[in-house]
Protein backbone atom coordinates (compact mmCIF):
# COMPACT_ATOMS: atom_id res chain seq x y z
CA MET A 1 -0.12 -0.13 -0.06
CA THR A 2 1.16 3.36 -0.34
CA VAL A 3 -0.35 6.53 1.76
CA THR A 4 -0.02 9.78 -0.19
CA ARG A 5 -1.06 13.41 1.29
CA ILE A 6 -2.46 15.69 -1.14
CA TRP A 7 -3.48 18.67 0.68
CA SER A 8 -3.27 19.92 4.54
CA MET A 9 -4.24 22.65 6.84
CA ALA A 10 -0.77 23.13 8.00
CA GLU A 11 0.09 23.42 4.60
CA GLY A 12 -2.25 25.16 2.93
CA PHE A 13 -3.88 24.86 -0.69
CA GLY A 14 -1.16 26.35 -3.24
CA GLN A 15 -2.34 29.73 -4.75
CA VAL A 16 -5.94 29.35 -3.33
CA SER A 17 -6.17 31.51 -0.03
CA ASN A 18 -9.71 31.53 1.12
CA LEU A 19 -10.12 28.12 2.22
CA LEU A 20 -8.83 27.50 6.10
CA GLY A 21 -9.40 23.48 5.37
CA VAL A 22 -10.99 20.99 3.55
CA GLY A 23 -11.99 17.36 3.78
CA ASP A 24 -14.84 14.40 2.90
CA PRO A 25 -13.27 14.16 -0.32
CA ASN A 26 -15.60 12.53 -3.11
CA VAL A 27 -13.75 11.05 -5.99
CA HIS A 28 -15.67 10.58 -9.84
CA LYS A 29 -14.52 10.11 -13.29
CA ILE A 30 -16.73 12.72 -15.38
CA GLY A 31 -16.40 12.53 -19.01
CA ASP A 32 -12.48 12.15 -19.62
CA GLN A 33 -11.64 13.47 -15.96
CA TRP A 34 -11.20 12.84 -12.26
CA TRP A 35 -13.19 15.26 -10.71
CA MET A 36 -12.97 15.60 -6.64
CA PHE A 37 -16.13 17.20 -4.65
CA LEU A 38 -14.97 18.39 -0.93
CA GLY A 39 -16.23 20.11 2.02
CA GLY A 40 -14.48 23.19 2.59
CA PHE A 41 -14.32 25.94 5.40
CA GLN A 42 -13.58 28.79 4.11
CA ASP A 43 -11.98 32.43 5.51
CA THR A 44 -15.75 33.60 6.43
CA PHE A 45 -15.72 30.79 8.71
CA LYS A 46 -18.34 28.95 6.78
CA ASN A 47 -18.75 25.81 4.54
CA ASN A 48 -19.60 25.14 1.26
CA VAL A 49 -18.67 22.91 -1.64
CA PHE A 50 -15.72 22.80 -3.76
CA SER A 51 -14.46 20.68 -6.57
CA ALA A 52 -10.87 20.00 -8.23
CA CYS A 53 -9.75 18.27 -11.11
CA LEU A 54 -6.87 16.25 -12.62
CA PRO A 55 -5.91 17.13 -15.88
CA PRO A 56 -7.87 15.85 -18.65
CA GLY A 57 -6.77 12.00 -19.37
CA ALA A 58 -4.93 11.83 -16.32
CA PRO A 59 -5.02 8.74 -14.52
CA LEU A 60 -5.87 8.52 -10.94
CA SER A 61 -2.60 7.70 -9.96
CA SER A 62 -1.84 11.26 -10.72
CA THR A 63 -1.63 14.08 -7.77
CA ALA A 64 -1.76 16.84 -9.83
CA TRP A 65 -5.32 17.90 -8.23
CA ALA A 66 -6.11 21.80 -8.90
CA PHE A 67 -9.37 23.64 -7.20
CA HIS A 68 -11.66 25.03 -9.62
CA THR A 69 -11.20 28.96 -8.86
CA ASP A 70 -12.79 32.09 -9.87
CA ALA A 71 -12.45 33.62 -12.49
CA SER A 72 -11.71 37.08 -11.75
CA ASP A 73 -9.27 35.73 -8.53
CA PRO A 74 -7.39 32.43 -8.89
CA ARG A 75 -6.45 32.42 -5.24
CA ARG A 76 -9.80 32.13 -4.59
CA ALA A 77 -11.77 28.69 -4.94
CA MET A 78 -15.16 28.85 -6.42
CA SER A 79 -18.15 27.01 -4.29
CA LEU A 80 -20.67 25.06 -6.45
CA ILE A 81 -23.13 27.33 -5.15
CA PRO A 82 -23.99 30.83 -3.35
CA GLN A 83 -23.27 30.58 0.30
CA PRO A 84 -27.24 29.45 1.82
CA GLY A 85 -28.27 32.73 3.96
CA GLU A 86 -28.34 32.71 7.85
CA ASP A 87 -31.92 32.10 8.19
CA CYS A 88 -31.74 28.79 5.92
CA TRP A 89 -31.63 25.17 7.22
CA ASP A 90 -28.34 25.18 6.01
CA GLY A 91 -27.23 28.63 6.22
CA ALA A 92 -24.14 27.44 8.81
CA GLY A 93 -22.59 25.55 5.81
CA LEU A 94 -22.78 22.52 3.74
CA HIS A 95 -20.59 19.36 4.24
CA THR A 96 -19.61 15.78 3.10
CA PRO A 97 -20.43 16.31 -0.72
CA ARG A 98 -21.82 12.72 -2.81
CA TYR A 99 -21.69 13.25 -6.28
CA VAL A 100 -24.41 10.33 -7.85
CA THR A 101 -26.27 9.97 -11.03
CA GLY A 102 -29.20 8.22 -11.71
CA PHE A 103 -32.68 8.78 -12.83
CA ASP A 104 -35.82 11.30 -11.30
CA ALA A 105 -39.28 10.58 -10.81
CA SER A 106 -40.30 11.51 -14.49
CA GLY A 107 -36.92 9.01 -15.62
CA ASN A 108 -34.60 11.84 -16.70
CA ALA A 109 -31.30 11.41 -16.45
CA VAL A 110 -29.75 13.57 -13.55
CA GLU A 111 -26.47 14.37 -11.68
CA ARG A 112 -26.67 15.57 -7.79
CA ILE A 113 -24.61 16.41 -5.21
CA TYR A 114 -26.15 14.88 -1.73
CA TYR A 115 -24.39 16.61 1.49
CA SER A 116 -25.04 17.26 4.90
CA GLY A 117 -26.20 20.97 6.26
CA ARG A 118 -26.85 22.63 9.28
CA GLY A 119 -27.97 25.65 10.36
CA SER A 120 -25.94 26.55 13.62
CA ALA A 121 -22.42 27.10 14.07
CA GLU A 122 -22.38 24.84 16.72
CA VAL A 123 -21.34 21.22 14.95
CA ILE A 124 -19.73 19.28 18.02
CA GLY A 125 -21.13 16.98 20.92
CA ASN A 126 -23.63 15.06 21.83
CA THR A 127 -25.91 18.07 22.56
CA GLY A 128 -24.89 19.63 19.03
CA THR A 129 -27.15 21.12 16.65
CA ARG A 130 -29.08 18.74 14.24
CA TYR A 131 -28.10 18.18 10.60
CA ALA A 132 -30.06 16.96 7.84
CA ILE A 133 -29.30 15.70 4.10
CA GLY A 134 -29.87 18.24 1.66
CA MET A 135 -29.10 17.93 -2.76
CA LEU A 136 -27.86 19.65 -5.21
CA GLU A 137 -28.88 18.95 -8.78
CA ARG A 138 -27.05 20.14 -12.08
CA SER A 139 -28.71 21.86 -14.90
CA ASP A 140 -27.90 24.10 -17.76
CA GLY A 141 -24.48 23.73 -16.65
CA ALA A 142 -24.52 25.00 -13.06
CA TRP A 143 -25.45 23.64 -9.90
CA HIS A 144 -29.26 24.43 -8.23
CA ARG A 145 -29.69 23.82 -4.35
CA ARG A 146 -32.84 22.09 -3.41
CA ALA A 147 -34.36 24.86 -0.98
CA GLU A 148 -35.64 21.93 1.60
CA PRO A 149 -33.84 19.04 2.93
CA VAL A 150 -34.84 15.59 1.17
CA PHE A 151 -33.77 13.77 4.69
CA GLY A 152 -34.15 14.70 8.26
CA GLY A 153 -33.64 11.55 10.11
CA THR A 154 -36.44 10.20 12.28
CA GLU A 155 -38.47 11.15 15.40
CA GLN A 156 -36.42 8.61 17.36
CA HIS A 157 -32.77 9.34 15.73
CA PRO A 158 -33.53 13.09 14.59
CA PHE A 159 -29.65 13.59 13.07
CA ALA A 160 -28.93 12.62 9.85
CA VAL A 161 -25.12 13.16 8.52
CA GLU A 162 -22.23 11.95 6.02
CA PRO A 163 -24.53 10.67 3.26
CA THR A 164 -23.30 7.95 1.17
CA VAL A 165 -26.01 7.62 -1.94
CA HIS A 166 -26.11 5.15 -4.79
CA TYR A 167 -28.36 4.03 -7.74
CA ALA A 168 -28.90 0.84 -8.60
CA GLU A 169 -31.98 -0.99 -9.95
CA GLY A 170 -34.40 1.60 -9.76
CA LYS A 171 -33.95 3.15 -6.38
CA TRP A 172 -31.51 5.83 -4.70
CA ARG A 173 -30.10 3.97 -2.49
CA MET A 174 -28.50 5.77 1.01
CA TRP A 175 -26.58 4.79 3.87
CA TYR A 176 -26.11 7.84 6.56
CA ASN A 177 -25.03 8.21 10.24
CA ALA A 178 -27.59 8.88 12.77
CA ALA A 179 -25.55 9.81 15.61
CA PRO A 180 -23.54 12.94 16.21
CA THR A 181 -19.83 13.33 16.16
CA PRO A 182 -18.71 13.21 19.96
CA GLY A 183 -17.25 15.98 21.83
CA PRO A 184 -13.86 16.24 23.67
CA GLY A 185 -13.89 13.19 26.29
CA GLU A 186 -16.94 11.66 24.99
CA GLN A 187 -17.01 8.05 23.15
CA PRO A 188 -18.67 8.15 19.78
CA ARG A 189 -22.13 6.27 19.63
CA PHE A 190 -22.54 6.41 15.59
CA ARG A 191 -24.84 4.44 13.90
CA ILE A 192 -25.08 3.65 10.19
CA LYS A 193 -28.64 3.28 8.75
CA TYR A 194 -29.75 2.42 5.18
CA THR A 195 -32.89 3.94 3.47
CA GLU A 196 -34.15 4.41 -0.03
CA SER A 197 -36.53 6.31 -2.44
CA ARG A 198 -37.69 6.05 -5.90
CA ASP A 199 -37.04 9.63 -6.60
CA GLY A 200 -33.91 10.62 -4.28
CA GLU A 201 -35.91 13.26 -2.93
CA THR A 202 -39.10 11.74 -1.14
CA GLY A 203 -40.50 8.85 -0.17
CA TRP A 204 -37.78 7.68 1.75
CA SER A 205 -38.49 4.19 3.40
CA ALA A 206 -38.57 3.65 7.38
CA PRO A 207 -34.61 3.48 8.13
CA VAL A 208 -32.85 0.27 9.27
CA ASP A 209 -29.74 0.17 11.33
CA PHE A 210 -26.76 -1.23 9.09
CA PHE A 211 -23.77 -0.49 11.53
CA ALA A 212 -24.50 -0.25 14.55
CA GLY A 213 -23.30 -1.18 18.05
CA ARG A 214 -19.33 -2.63 18.30
CA GLU A 215 -18.75 -1.47 14.58
CA SER A 216 -19.47 2.20 15.44
CA TYR A 217 -18.79 3.53 11.83
CA PHE A 218 -18.63 7.10 11.41
CA ASP A 219 -19.31 6.87 7.55
CA THR A 220 -18.99 5.17 4.24
CA SER A 221 -18.33 4.92 0.64
CA ILE A 222 -19.68 2.49 -2.06
CA VAL A 223 -18.44 1.76 -5.48
CA GLN A 224 -20.18 -0.88 -8.10
CA GLY A 225 -17.14 -2.77 -9.81
CA ALA A 226 -16.32 -5.89 -11.66
CA TYR A 227 -16.55 -8.06 -8.43
CA GLY A 228 -19.60 -6.49 -7.73
CA TYR A 229 -20.02 -3.87 -4.98
CA GLU A 230 -17.43 -2.37 -2.44
CA LEU A 231 -17.82 -0.62 0.24
CA VAL A 232 -15.15 1.24 2.81
CA ALA A 233 -16.31 2.38 6.26
CA SER A 234 -14.20 4.63 8.55
CA ALA A 235 -14.24 5.00 12.48
CA GLY A 236 -14.26 8.95 12.24
CA GLY A 237 -10.88 10.17 13.56
CA ASN A 238 -10.29 10.80 17.30
CA HIS A 239 -10.19 14.50 17.35
CA PHE A 240 -9.89 15.41 20.54
CA GLY A 241 -7.00 12.73 21.60
CA THR A 242 -9.83 11.05 23.93
CA GLU A 243 -8.49 7.93 26.00
CA PRO A 244 -9.87 5.00 25.85
CA PHE A 245 -11.27 5.53 22.30
CA PRO A 246 -12.13 3.30 19.62
CA GLU A 247 -9.43 1.56 16.99
CA GLN A 248 -9.30 3.85 13.88
CA GLY A 249 -8.54 2.96 10.59
CA LEU A 250 -10.41 1.80 7.35
CA TRP A 251 -12.10 -1.12 6.54
CA TRP A 252 -13.74 -3.08 3.17
CA TYR A 253 -16.54 -4.95 2.47
CA GLU A 254 -18.35 -6.56 -0.59
CA ALA A 255 -21.28 -8.09 -1.86
CA LYS A 256 -23.24 -8.91 -4.65
CA GLU A 257 -25.69 -6.55 -4.62
CA ALA A 258 -26.12 -2.71 -3.57
CA ALA A 259 -28.06 -4.09 -0.55
CA GLY A 260 -29.69 -2.23 2.42
CA ASP A 261 -29.33 -5.55 4.37
CA ARG A 262 -26.28 -6.01 6.37
CA SER A 263 -26.14 -9.86 5.69
CA TYR A 264 -25.87 -9.19 2.56
CA TRP A 265 -22.15 -8.02 2.96
CA SER A 266 -19.28 -9.66 4.52
CA ALA A 267 -19.55 -11.07 7.72
CA GLU A 268 -15.94 -10.14 8.48
CA PRO A 269 -14.51 -6.79 7.30
CA VAL A 270 -10.88 -6.50 5.90
CA LYS A 271 -8.70 -3.61 7.62
CA ILE A 272 -7.29 -1.80 4.60
CA LEU A 273 -5.49 0.86 6.64
CA GLU A 274 -4.10 1.28 10.20
CA VAL A 275 -3.54 4.09 11.82
CA SER A 276 -0.63 4.97 14.16
CA GLY A 277 1.23 7.79 15.39
CA ASP A 278 3.79 6.96 12.94
CA VAL A 279 2.13 8.84 10.28
CA GLU A 280 1.35 12.41 11.95
CA TRP A 281 -1.38 14.12 9.47
CA TYR A 282 -3.77 11.01 10.24
CA ALA A 283 -2.23 10.27 13.61
CA ASN A 284 -5.90 10.21 15.03
CA GLY A 285 -7.73 8.43 12.91
CA VAL A 286 -9.45 8.91 9.18
CA PHE A 287 -12.83 9.69 7.70
CA GLY A 288 -14.65 10.43 4.54
CA PRO A 289 -13.58 7.91 2.55
CA SER A 290 -14.17 7.83 -1.49
CA ILE A 291 -13.20 4.48 -2.96
CA GLN A 292 -12.71 3.74 -7.00
CA TYR A 293 -10.67 2.01 -9.10
CA GLY A 294 -8.03 3.04 -11.85
CA ASP A 295 -9.27 3.57 -15.36
CA THR A 296 -5.50 2.70 -17.42
CA GLU A 297 -4.76 -1.03 -18.25
CA ALA A 298 -2.14 -0.08 -15.72
CA ASP A 299 -4.08 0.50 -12.19
CA ARG A 300 -7.36 -0.78 -13.46
CA ASP A 301 -7.26 -3.10 -10.34
CA THR A 302 -5.27 -0.73 -8.12
CA MET A 303 -8.07 0.26 -5.35
CA TYR A 304 -7.97 4.04 -4.79
CA VAL A 305 -9.31 5.21 -1.14
CA PHE A 306 -9.14 8.81 -0.39
CA PHE A 307 -10.07 10.04 3.01
CA THR A 308 -9.77 12.61 5.69
CA GLY A 309 -7.05 12.33 8.25
CA THR A 310 -7.28 14.03 11.49
CA TYR A 311 -4.19 14.90 13.53
CA GLN A 312 -4.12 17.44 17.36
CA PRO A 313 -1.04 19.40 17.12
CA ASP A 314 0.40 20.85 20.30
CA SER A 315 -0.68 24.11 19.06
CA PRO A 316 -3.83 23.56 17.48
CA PRO A 317 -5.05 26.06 14.49
CA PHE A 318 -7.50 29.02 15.10
CA PRO A 319 -10.53 28.21 15.27
CA ALA A 320 -10.22 24.53 15.09
CA PRO A 321 -8.56 22.51 17.81
CA PHE A 322 -7.43 20.12 15.27
CA PHE A 323 -5.68 19.88 11.78
CA PHE A 324 -7.61 17.97 8.64
CA ALA A 325 -5.47 16.74 5.62
CA VAL A 326 -6.80 15.07 2.24
CA GLY A 327 -4.84 12.08 1.12
CA ARG A 328 -5.15 8.84 -0.89
CA ALA A 329 -4.46 5.25 -0.01
CA MET A 330 -3.18 2.82 -3.30
CA LEU A 331 -3.67 -0.76 -2.64
CA ALA A 332 -4.70 -4.31 -4.53
CA ARG A 333 -8.13 -5.31 -4.23
CA PRO A 334 -8.26 -7.24 -0.66
CA ALA A 335 -8.78 -11.19 -1.05
């Protein structure tokens, strides 16, 4: 396995100066180009969704990612949509973008980005603000934000964050986290749930537990490949250096179909990324995985997992108590 850091809060983002941090990379091949969608924390102290690309035709093994920037100022990364107003349900920011293609209720092919949003600046702790899941849709060459969230959890678990959405067999299938991120000294109680919808906007089925209890995963990524479906899950990152804390890393599962029933997937996972203090930029854990396979003869069987690394320096950056970095792991498909 080869692990490469692409960006870090500690080192900045090249010529781009309006981003204080980025995370949750979501990577897809669109046309002849690899795209990465990210959540970005701006110098306005608000989050939005940004994008970067490799050069046209470049393989996924390349590290020549470049942010899309404002045409009038190449030092400013360009968000996909204008910042929602303070009175909007997602006025405090957009996180965890997940690009997906499928068909809407009328049978039209659509491009969408699902994301986590919140209406309060408070984001950490089991008593923090609620999140919900929103949606952007691309039309006429631009991204447009749906005014209201598409999913907001349930009465029993009124928290919805970290969506992974995949379109298969006429359904929009979503895995999401139904529990908040722990604050300093708290233990995680993450719960990955599954729900599905015919149009990806309404009529979501009653969520069922997918990962819960001992697994306590924070988020997931899914891909359809030559062998069926593959899923990578992360434990979420020990942002505050809490001890004790669940084991950190990335785990891999496989299934023959994109099933919301856990029994269809591998009974036991394969751990594909270890976390230790030896590599500082993800010494406190990882989250936000995105799995893809290469598309050239040289790397068609190479798995690429992009992720966010967390570490807590002696002198943390204002206003965050930890550093984030975006990296990539290259490895052979697990046996």
